[in-house]
Amino acid sequence: MKTKTIIGWREWLSLPELNLERIKAKIDTGARTSTLHAFEVETYRDADIDMVRFLMHPLQDNTDIVRECRARVIDERWVTDSGGHKEKRFVIQTSVKLAQREWPIEITLTNRDTMKFRMLLGRTAMKNIIVDPSSSYLFSRL
């Protein structure tokens, strides 16, 4: 049996394959899939592989810092947000690093400029994780 990691309802995590060394995420057990802030999203092909290039602001309330990210597109899915709005989103797979653990997750891309968190960590990404809703930032700021 694998060890369970206890995390708070919000945590700093890293997406090393996207060169995002730290990003504040809301741990959202109500969301099936994880979501990452993205704008100026463009698809392209590289050696017959569907890819996506996007920009993102890794820190909330700070649009001065912009990161360019690139990833392989693994799917396009219709996603219904918490307000009931449906949107077709690109899906990528990348690794997430949290609490000395690193594992692959799927992430949908959407513009979260008006949202408090640049990322939601959805329940399908939470294998062997227990969420303590009374705690925040149980792990250091990466």
C-alpha atoms as a PDB file:
ATOM      1  CA  MET A   1       0.000   0.000   0.000  1.00  0.00           C
ATOM      2  CA  LYS A   2       1.312   3.434  -0.944  1.00  0.00           C
ATOM      3  CA  THR A   3       1.794   6.148   1.633  1.00  0.00           C
ATOM      4  CA  LYS A   4      -0.895   8.823   1.634  1.00  0.00           C
ATOM      5  CA  THR A   5       0.185  12.455   1.544  1.00  0.00           C
ATOM      6  CA  ILE A   6      -1.915  15.017   3.410  1.00  0.00           C
ATOM      7  CA  ILE A   7      -2.180  18.414   1.738  1.00  0.00           C
ATOM      8  CA  GLY A   8      -4.160  21.589   2.403  1.00  0.00           C
ATOM      9  CA  TRP A   9      -6.971  23.075   0.324  1.00  0.00           C
ATOM     10  CA  ARG A  10      -4.388  25.284  -1.410  1.00  0.00           C
ATOM     11  CA  GLU A  11      -0.733  24.502  -2.032  1.00  0.00           C
ATOM     12  CA  TRP A  12       2.326  25.669  -3.962  1.00  0.00           C
ATOM     13  CA  LEU A  13       3.320  23.119  -6.580  1.00  0.00           C
ATOM     14  CA  SER A  14       5.612  22.830  -9.572  1.00  0.00           C
ATOM     15  CA  LEU A  15       5.055  21.817 -13.199  1.00  0.00           C
ATOM     16  CA  PRO A  16       8.671  21.076 -14.164  1.00  0.00           C
ATOM     17  CA  GLU A  17       8.018  19.956 -17.770  1.00  0.00           C
ATOM     18  CA  LEU A  18       6.350  23.331 -18.421  1.00  0.00           C
ATOM     19  CA  ASN A  19       9.199  25.215 -16.685  1.00  0.00           C
ATOM     20  CA  LEU A  20       6.802  26.512 -14.047  1.00  0.00           C
ATOM     21  CA  GLU A  21       8.857  26.286 -10.885  1.00  0.00           C
ATOM     22  CA  ARG A  22       6.072  27.383  -8.569  1.00  0.00           C
ATOM     23  CA  ILE A  23       2.401  28.003  -8.936  1.00  0.00           C
ATOM     24  CA  LYS A  24      -0.313  28.407  -6.348  1.00  0.00           C
ATOM     25  CA  ALA A  25      -3.086  25.859  -6.841  1.00  0.00           C
ATOM     26  CA  LYS A  26      -6.498  25.333  -5.336  1.00  0.00           C
ATOM     27  CA  ILE A  27      -6.994  21.676  -4.475  1.00  0.00           C
ATOM     28  CA  ASP A  28     -10.442  21.058  -5.906  1.00  0.00           C
ATOM     29  CA  THR A  29     -12.020  17.676  -5.140  1.00  0.00           C
ATOM     30  CA  GLY A  30     -15.169  18.860  -6.938  1.00  0.00           C
ATOM     31  CA  ALA A  31     -13.333  19.253 -10.240  1.00  0.00           C
ATOM     32  CA  ARG A  32     -12.700  16.041 -12.157  1.00  0.00           C
ATOM     33  CA  THR A  33      -9.757  17.315 -14.231  1.00  0.00           C
ATOM     34  CA  SER A  34      -7.014  19.752 -13.337  1.00  0.00           C
ATOM     35  CA  THR A  35      -7.003  23.144 -15.064  1.00  0.00           C
ATOM     36  CA  LEU A  36      -4.217  25.597 -15.823  1.00  0.00           C
ATOM     37  CA  HIS A  37      -4.399  29.277 -16.758  1.00  0.00           C
ATOM     38  CA  ALA A  38      -3.530  29.804 -20.429  1.00  0.00           C
ATOM     39  CA  PHE A  39      -3.958  32.570 -22.975  1.00  0.00           C
ATOM     40  CA  GLU A  40      -2.825  33.129 -26.567  1.00  0.00           C
ATOM     41  CA  VAL A  41      -3.237  29.388 -27.048  1.00  0.00           C
ATOM     42  CA  GLU A  42      -1.988  28.180 -30.441  1.00  0.00           C
ATOM     43  CA  THR A  43      -1.742  24.666 -31.819  1.00  0.00           C
ATOM     44  CA  TYR A  44       0.942  23.481 -34.210  1.00  0.00           C
ATOM     45  CA  ARG A  45       2.481  20.239 -35.471  1.00  0.00           C
ATOM     46  CA  ASP A  46       6.004  19.112 -34.684  1.00  0.00           C
ATOM     47  CA  ALA A  47       7.205  15.876 -36.292  1.00  0.00           C
ATOM     48  CA  ASP A  48       3.575  14.796 -36.855  1.00  0.00           C
ATOM     49  CA  ILE A  49       2.687  15.422 -33.191  1.00  0.00           C
ATOM     50  CA  ASP A  50      -0.076  17.853 -32.211  1.00  0.00           C
ATOM     51  CA  MET A  51       1.396  20.476 -29.912  1.00  0.00           C
ATOM     52  CA  VAL A  52       0.121  23.556 -28.100  1.00  0.00           C
ATOM     53  CA  ARG A  53       1.926  26.780 -27.252  1.00  0.00           C
ATOM     54  CA  PHE A  54       0.439  29.108 -24.685  1.00  0.00           C
ATOM     55  CA  LEU A  55       1.291  31.993 -22.424  1.00  0.00           C
ATOM     56  CA  MET A  56       0.417  32.188 -18.770  1.00  0.00           C
ATOM     57  CA  HIS A  57       0.799  34.419 -15.735  1.00  0.00           C
ATOM     58  CA  PRO A  58       2.061  32.071 -12.997  1.00  0.00           C
ATOM     59  CA  LEU A  59       1.293  34.467 -10.128  1.00  0.00           C
ATOM     60  CA  GLN A  60      -2.196  35.731  -9.425  1.00  0.00           C
ATOM     61  CA  ASP A  61      -2.605  39.507  -9.473  1.00  0.00           C
ATOM     62  CA  ASN A  62       0.651  39.872 -11.420  1.00  0.00           C
ATOM     63  CA  THR A  63       0.390  40.168 -15.190  1.00  0.00           C
ATOM     64  CA  ASP A  64       3.968  41.471 -15.520  1.00  0.00           C
ATOM     65  CA  ILE A  65       5.392  37.943 -15.321  1.00  0.00           C
ATOM     66  CA  VAL A  66       4.589  35.904 -18.423  1.00  0.00           C
ATOM     67  CA  ARG A  67       5.750  32.365 -19.139  1.00  0.00           C
ATOM     68  CA  GLU A  68       5.598  30.598 -22.484  1.00  0.00           C
ATOM     69  CA  CYS A  69       4.766  26.909 -22.256  1.00  0.00           C
ATOM     70  CA  ARG A  70       4.667  24.130 -24.836  1.00  0.00           C
ATOM     71  CA  ALA A  71       3.189  20.660 -24.524  1.00  0.00           C
ATOM     72  CA  ARG A  72       1.797  17.784 -26.527  1.00  0.00           C
ATOM     73  CA  VAL A  73      -1.965  17.860 -27.018  1.00  0.00           C
ATOM     74  CA  ILE A  74      -3.436  14.531 -25.902  1.00  0.00           C
ATOM     75  CA  ASP A  75      -7.126  15.407 -26.338  1.00  0.00           C
ATOM     76  CA  GLU A  76      -9.770  18.101 -26.737  1.00  0.00           C
ATOM     77  CA  ARG A  77     -12.724  17.881 -24.350  1.00  0.00           C
ATOM     78  CA  TRP A  78     -15.887  19.739 -23.528  1.00  0.00           C
ATOM     79  CA  VAL A  79     -15.646  20.959 -19.931  1.00  0.00           C
ATOM     80  CA  THR A  80     -18.444  22.452 -17.857  1.00  0.00           C
ATOM     81  CA  ASP A  81     -17.126  25.031 -15.383  1.00  0.00           C
ATOM     82  CA  SER A  82     -18.569  25.733 -11.936  1.00  0.00           C
ATOM     83  CA  GLY A  83     -20.880  28.364 -13.472  1.00  0.00           C
ATOM     84  CA  GLY A  84     -22.402  25.810 -15.850  1.00  0.00           C
ATOM     85  CA  HIS A  85     -20.683  27.177 -18.973  1.00  0.00           C
ATOM     86  CA  LYS A  86     -19.407  24.625 -21.505  1.00  0.00           C
ATOM     87  CA  GLU A  87     -16.093  25.175 -23.246  1.00  0.00           C
ATOM     88  CA  LYS A  88     -13.971  22.989 -25.520  1.00  0.00           C
ATOM     89  CA  ARG A  89     -10.450  22.811 -24.071  1.00  0.00           C
ATOM     90  CA  PHE A  90      -7.114  21.351 -25.062  1.00  0.00           C
ATOM     91  CA  VAL A  91      -5.837  18.642 -22.723  1.00  0.00           C
ATOM     92  CA  ILE A  92      -2.141  18.110 -22.036  1.00  0.00           C
ATOM     93  CA  GLN A  93      -0.274  15.659 -19.862  1.00  0.00           C
ATOM     94  CA  THR A  94       2.596  16.865 -17.715  1.00  0.00           C
ATOM     95  CA  SER A  95       4.211  16.069 -14.396  1.00  0.00           C
ATOM     96  CA  VAL A  96       3.283  17.800 -11.161  1.00  0.00           C
ATOM     97  CA  LYS A  97       5.626  18.043  -8.194  1.00  0.00           C
ATOM     98  CA  LEU A  98       4.283  18.442  -4.672  1.00  0.00           C
ATOM     99  CA  ALA A  99       5.530  17.331  -1.271  1.00  0.00           C
ATOM    100  CA  GLN A 100       8.656  15.564  -2.593  1.00  0.00           C
ATOM    101  CA  ARG A 101       6.445  13.553  -4.959  1.00  0.00           C
ATOM    102  CA  GLU A 102       6.223  13.854  -8.737  1.00  0.00           C
ATOM    103  CA  TRP A 103       3.643  12.174 -10.969  1.00  0.00           C
ATOM    104  CA  PRO A 104       1.935  12.665 -14.368  1.00  0.00           C
ATOM    105  CA  ILE A 105      -1.456  14.410 -14.581  1.00  0.00           C
ATOM    106  CA  GLU A 106      -3.838  15.618 -17.269  1.00  0.00           C
ATOM    107  CA  ILE A 107      -4.555  19.342 -17.389  1.00  0.00           C
ATOM    108  CA  THR A 108      -7.076  21.329 -19.413  1.00  0.00           C
ATOM    109  CA  LEU A 109      -6.115  24.819 -20.589  1.00  0.00           C
ATOM    110  CA  THR A 110      -8.360  27.862 -20.172  1.00  0.00           C
ATOM    111  CA  ASN A 111      -8.078  31.562 -19.412  1.00  0.00           C
ATOM    112  CA  ARG A 112      -8.288  32.019 -15.632  1.00  0.00           C
ATOM    113  CA  ASP A 113      -7.371  35.733 -15.525  1.00  0.00           C
ATOM    114  CA  THR A 114     -10.469  36.536 -13.498  1.00  0.00           C
ATOM    115  CA  MET A 115     -10.014  33.599 -11.122  1.00  0.00           C
ATOM    116  CA  LYS A 116      -8.192  33.690  -7.811  1.00  0.00           C
ATOM    117  CA  PHE A 117      -6.011  30.659  -8.566  1.00  0.00           C
ATOM    118  CA  ARG A 118      -3.989  30.073 -11.728  1.00  0.00           C
ATOM    119  CA  MET A 119      -4.454  26.335 -11.329  1.00  0.00           C
ATOM    120  CA  LEU A 120      -6.970  23.841  -9.992  1.00  0.00           C
ATOM    121  CA  LEU A 121      -5.706  20.405  -9.023  1.00  0.00           C
ATOM    122  CA  GLY A 122      -8.649  18.116  -9.808  1.00  0.00           C
ATOM    123  CA  ARG A 123      -9.519  14.831  -8.146  1.00  0.00           C
ATOM    124  CA  THR A 124      -8.171  12.541 -10.901  1.00  0.00           C
ATOM    125  CA  ALA A 125      -4.702  13.972 -10.133  1.00  0.00           C
ATOM    126  CA  MET A 126      -4.957  13.167  -6.427  1.00  0.00           C
ATOM    127  CA  LYS A 127      -3.892   9.543  -6.184  1.00  0.00           C
ATOM    128  CA  ASN A 128      -2.728   8.709  -2.663  1.00  0.00           C
ATOM    129  CA  ILE A 129      -3.536  12.232  -1.480  1.00  0.00           C
ATOM    130  CA  ILE A 130      -5.760  13.245   1.406  1.00  0.00           C
ATOM    131  CA  VAL A 131      -7.013  16.831   1.497  1.00  0.00           C
ATOM    132  CA  ASP A 132      -7.312  18.556   4.865  1.00  0.00           C
ATOM    133  CA  PRO A 133      -9.779  21.388   4.145  1.00  0.00           C
ATOM    134  CA  SER A 134      -8.832  23.183   7.370  1.00  0.00           C
ATOM    135  CA  SER A 135      -5.181  23.567   6.274  1.00  0.00           C
ATOM    136  CA  SER A 136      -3.308  25.619   3.689  1.00  0.00           C
ATOM    137  CA  TYR A 137       0.238  25.506   2.364  1.00  0.00           C
ATOM    138  CA  LEU A 138       1.430  22.474   4.328  1.00  0.00           C
ATOM    139  CA  PHE A 139       4.530  22.348   2.119  1.00  0.00           C
ATOM    140  CA  SER A 140       7.125  25.010   1.534  1.00  0.00           C
ATOM    141  CA  ARG A 141       6.828  27.545  -1.229  1.00  0.00           C
ATOM    142  CA  LEU A 142       8.814  25.699  -3.877  1.00  0.00           C
END
